[in-house]
Amino acid sequence: MTILIGSCHCGAVEFEVDAPEGLHGLRRCNCSLCRKKAATMATARLTELTITRGEDQLSLYQWNTKIAKHYFCSACGIYTHHQRRKASDEYGFNVACIEDIDLTTLGDIPMTDGLDLSVVGED
């Protein structure tokens, strides 16, 4: 069993991802929010991601359809994860929050076209 441990910058929010196959569903997105946060995201089922500390420190941001739920640490502002709009049984989580991750080793990350609302986007 592989458990990935993640946290925001200040450590107020910590989470675990049950990821027996490691990181999967890697992507970036070009929607208006993702473009500005420039995060690399991976996928987890709702049951695979657990907030282990600081759930009360998370701020929720929603826009447009107000279906997707984007979570940020209210202290340091780091995006930790979001519940997807078109795949509501999944979270996207910020790979840069995972302990000991080297983003340079991940290779080419596909881009989701979040600007085209007919495509599965992050919002």
C-alpha atoms as a PDB file:
ATOM      1  CA  MET A   1       0.000   0.000   0.000  1.00  0.00           C
ATOM      2  CA  THR A   2       1.309   3.455  -0.925  1.00  0.00           C
ATOM      3  CA  ILE A   3       0.193   6.403   1.167  1.00  0.00           C
ATOM      4  CA  LEU A   4       1.166   9.828  -0.153  1.00  0.00           C
ATOM      5  CA  ILE A   5       1.463  12.536   2.512  1.00  0.00           C
ATOM      6  CA  GLY A   6       0.789  16.143   1.557  1.00  0.00           C
ATOM      7  CA  SER A   7       0.525  19.520   3.195  1.00  0.00           C
ATOM      8  CA  CYS A   8       0.134  23.184   2.434  1.00  0.00           C
ATOM      9  CA  HIS A   9       3.112  25.548   2.769  1.00  0.00           C
ATOM     10  CA  CYS A  10       2.586  26.492   6.423  1.00  0.00           C
ATOM     11  CA  GLY A  11       1.618  22.971   7.535  1.00  0.00           C
ATOM     12  CA  ALA A  12      -1.806  23.943   8.869  1.00  0.00           C
ATOM     13  CA  VAL A  13      -3.467  21.540   6.402  1.00  0.00           C
ATOM     14  CA  GLU A  14      -2.248  17.983   5.944  1.00  0.00           C
ATOM     15  CA  PHE A  15      -3.731  15.193   3.852  1.00  0.00           C
ATOM     16  CA  GLU A  16      -3.110  11.604   2.835  1.00  0.00           C
ATOM     17  CA  VAL A  17      -3.832   9.910  -0.467  1.00  0.00           C
ATOM     18  CA  ASP A  18      -4.235   6.152  -0.612  1.00  0.00           C
ATOM     19  CA  ALA A  19      -2.414   5.576  -3.912  1.00  0.00           C
ATOM     20  CA  PRO A  20      -1.522   1.905  -4.372  1.00  0.00           C
ATOM     21  CA  GLU A  21      -0.408   2.621  -7.949  1.00  0.00           C
ATOM     22  CA  GLY A  22       1.374   5.877  -7.112  1.00  0.00           C
ATOM     23  CA  LEU A  23       0.491   9.123  -8.844  1.00  0.00           C
ATOM     24  CA  HIS A  24      -2.025   8.765 -11.665  1.00  0.00           C
ATOM     25  CA  GLY A  25      -4.196  11.029 -13.774  1.00  0.00           C
ATOM     26  CA  LEU A  26      -1.494  13.683 -13.910  1.00  0.00           C
ATOM     27  CA  ARG A  27      -2.636  16.827 -15.673  1.00  0.00           C
ATOM     28  CA  ARG A  28      -2.582  20.559 -15.870  1.00  0.00           C
ATOM     29  CA  CYS A  29      -5.559  22.665 -16.902  1.00  0.00           C
ATOM     30  CA  ASN A  30      -5.934  25.916 -18.829  1.00  0.00           C
ATOM     31  CA  CYS A  31      -9.211  27.108 -17.238  1.00  0.00           C
ATOM     32  CA  SER A  32      -9.148  30.598 -15.778  1.00  0.00           C
ATOM     33  CA  LEU A  33      -8.322  29.397 -12.234  1.00  0.00           C
ATOM     34  CA  CYS A  34      -5.872  26.617 -13.018  1.00  0.00           C
ATOM     35  CA  ARG A  35      -3.974  28.816 -15.457  1.00  0.00           C
ATOM     36  CA  LYS A  36      -3.317  31.283 -12.639  1.00  0.00           C
ATOM     37  CA  LYS A  37      -2.393  28.686 -10.002  1.00  0.00           C
ATOM     38  CA  ALA A  38      -0.228  26.699 -12.485  1.00  0.00           C
ATOM     39  CA  ALA A  39      -0.538  23.499 -10.457  1.00  0.00           C
ATOM     40  CA  THR A  40       0.214  19.962 -11.534  1.00  0.00           C
ATOM     41  CA  MET A  41      -2.659  17.786 -10.383  1.00  0.00           C
ATOM     42  CA  ALA A  42      -3.128  14.076  -9.858  1.00  0.00           C
ATOM     43  CA  THR A  43      -6.352  12.135  -9.393  1.00  0.00           C
ATOM     44  CA  ALA A  44      -7.809  10.408  -6.333  1.00  0.00           C
ATOM     45  CA  ARG A  45     -11.251   8.986  -5.666  1.00  0.00           C
ATOM     46  CA  LEU A  46     -13.162  10.767  -2.896  1.00  0.00           C
ATOM     47  CA  THR A  47     -12.543   7.787  -0.623  1.00  0.00           C
ATOM     48  CA  GLU A  48      -8.779   7.884  -1.285  1.00  0.00           C
ATOM     49  CA  LEU A  49      -8.034  11.414  -0.033  1.00  0.00           C
ATOM     50  CA  THR A  50      -8.325  12.197   3.666  1.00  0.00           C
ATOM     51  CA  ILE A  51      -7.672  15.508   5.409  1.00  0.00           C
ATOM     52  CA  THR A  52      -5.663  14.472   8.469  1.00  0.00           C
ATOM     53  CA  ARG A  53      -5.142  17.916   9.974  1.00  0.00           C
ATOM     54  CA  GLY A  54      -6.561  21.386   9.509  1.00  0.00           C
ATOM     55  CA  GLU A  55      -9.877  20.725   7.799  1.00  0.00           C
ATOM     56  CA  ASP A  56     -11.133  23.811   9.638  1.00  0.00           C
ATOM     57  CA  GLN A  57      -8.293  25.796   8.006  1.00  0.00           C
ATOM     58  CA  LEU A  58      -9.510  25.083   4.468  1.00  0.00           C
ATOM     59  CA  SER A  59     -11.245  27.794   2.475  1.00  0.00           C
ATOM     60  CA  LEU A  60     -13.648  26.848  -0.295  1.00  0.00           C
ATOM     61  CA  TYR A  61     -13.702  28.706  -3.613  1.00  0.00           C
ATOM     62  CA  GLN A  62     -16.346  28.163  -6.287  1.00  0.00           C
ATOM     63  CA  TRP A  63     -17.211  30.104  -9.426  1.00  0.00           C
ATOM     64  CA  ASN A  64     -19.076  29.775 -12.711  1.00  0.00           C
ATOM     65  CA  THR A  65     -21.303  26.677 -12.297  1.00  0.00           C
ATOM     66  CA  LYS A  66     -20.437  26.477  -8.568  1.00  0.00           C
ATOM     67  CA  ILE A  67     -20.198  22.684  -8.846  1.00  0.00           C
ATOM     68  CA  ALA A  68     -16.450  22.188  -8.507  1.00  0.00           C
ATOM     69  CA  LYS A  69     -15.092  22.776  -5.015  1.00  0.00           C
ATOM     70  CA  HIS A  70     -11.580  24.234  -4.832  1.00  0.00           C
ATOM     71  CA  TYR A  71      -9.862  24.108  -1.438  1.00  0.00           C
ATOM     72  CA  PHE A  72      -7.068  26.373  -0.230  1.00  0.00           C
ATOM     73  CA  CYS A  73      -5.296  26.813   3.096  1.00  0.00           C
ATOM     74  CA  SER A  74      -6.773  29.927   4.702  1.00  0.00           C
ATOM     75  CA  ALA A  75      -3.423  30.731   6.346  1.00  0.00           C
ATOM     76  CA  CYS A  76      -0.876  30.416   3.517  1.00  0.00           C
ATOM     77  CA  GLY A  77      -3.177  30.328   0.464  1.00  0.00           C
ATOM     78  CA  ILE A  78      -1.854  27.108  -1.071  1.00  0.00           C
ATOM     79  CA  TYR A  79      -4.296  25.128  -3.234  1.00  0.00           C
ATOM     80  CA  THR A  80      -4.378  21.584  -1.849  1.00  0.00           C
ATOM     81  CA  HIS A  81      -7.197  19.841  -3.750  1.00  0.00           C
ATOM     82  CA  HIS A  82     -10.546  20.184  -5.458  1.00  0.00           C
ATOM     83  CA  GLN A  83     -13.614  18.085  -6.138  1.00  0.00           C
ATOM     84  CA  ARG A  84     -14.109  17.995  -9.879  1.00  0.00           C
ATOM     85  CA  ARG A  85     -17.118  19.310 -11.764  1.00  0.00           C
ATOM     86  CA  LYS A  86     -17.646  16.584 -14.366  1.00  0.00           C
ATOM     87  CA  ALA A  87     -16.093  13.767 -12.338  1.00  0.00           C
ATOM     88  CA  SER A  88     -17.619  14.558  -8.954  1.00  0.00           C
ATOM     89  CA  ASP A  89     -16.452  11.213  -7.541  1.00  0.00           C
ATOM     90  CA  GLU A  90     -12.847  12.399  -7.902  1.00  0.00           C
ATOM     91  CA  TYR A  91     -10.498  14.880  -6.342  1.00  0.00           C
ATOM     92  CA  GLY A  92      -7.692  16.559  -8.152  1.00  0.00           C
ATOM     93  CA  PHE A  93      -4.857  17.236  -5.723  1.00  0.00           C
ATOM     94  CA  ASN A  94      -1.799  19.446  -5.924  1.00  0.00           C
ATOM     95  CA  VAL A  95       1.172  17.176  -6.585  1.00  0.00           C
ATOM     96  CA  ALA A  96       3.574  19.876  -5.343  1.00  0.00           C
ATOM     97  CA  CYS A  97       2.048  19.440  -1.855  1.00  0.00           C
ATOM     98  CA  ILE A  98       3.227  15.801  -1.666  1.00  0.00           C
ATOM     99  CA  GLU A  99       6.278  15.160   0.532  1.00  0.00           C
ATOM    100  CA  ASP A 100       9.560  14.488  -1.264  1.00  0.00           C
ATOM    101  CA  ILE A 101       8.102  14.911  -4.755  1.00  0.00           C
ATOM    102  CA  ASP A 102      10.427  16.106  -7.516  1.00  0.00           C
ATOM    103  CA  LEU A 103       8.210  17.693 -10.157  1.00  0.00           C
ATOM    104  CA  THR A 104      11.068  17.625 -12.679  1.00  0.00           C
ATOM    105  CA  THR A 105      10.910  13.813 -12.790  1.00  0.00           C
ATOM    106  CA  LEU A 106       7.263  13.655 -13.896  1.00  0.00           C
ATOM    107  CA  GLY A 107       7.937  14.237 -17.591  1.00  0.00           C
ATOM    108  CA  ASP A 108       5.395  15.728 -19.970  1.00  0.00           C
ATOM    109  CA  ILE A 109       2.103  16.461 -18.207  1.00  0.00           C
ATOM    110  CA  PRO A 110      -1.022  16.534 -20.421  1.00  0.00           C
ATOM    111  CA  MET A 111      -3.096  19.733 -20.522  1.00  0.00           C
ATOM    112  CA  THR A 112      -6.856  19.506 -19.975  1.00  0.00           C
ATOM    113  CA  ASP A 113      -8.783  22.042 -22.027  1.00  0.00           C
ATOM    114  CA  GLY A 114     -10.742  23.695 -19.232  1.00  0.00           C
ATOM    115  CA  LEU A 115     -11.521  26.672 -21.466  1.00  0.00           C
ATOM    116  CA  ASP A 116     -13.781  24.458 -23.589  1.00  0.00           C
ATOM    117  CA  LEU A 117     -16.704  23.668 -21.290  1.00  0.00           C
ATOM    118  CA  SER A 118     -17.741  20.754 -23.520  1.00  0.00           C
ATOM    119  CA  VAL A 119     -14.530  18.985 -22.459  1.00  0.00           C
ATOM    120  CA  VAL A 120     -13.979  17.641 -18.952  1.00  0.00           C
ATOM    121  CA  GLY A 121     -12.413  20.611 -17.248  1.00  0.00           C
ATOM    122  CA  GLU A 122     -11.461  21.266 -13.668  1.00  0.00           C
ATOM    123  CA  ASP A 123     -14.342  23.634 -12.863  1.00  0.00           C
END
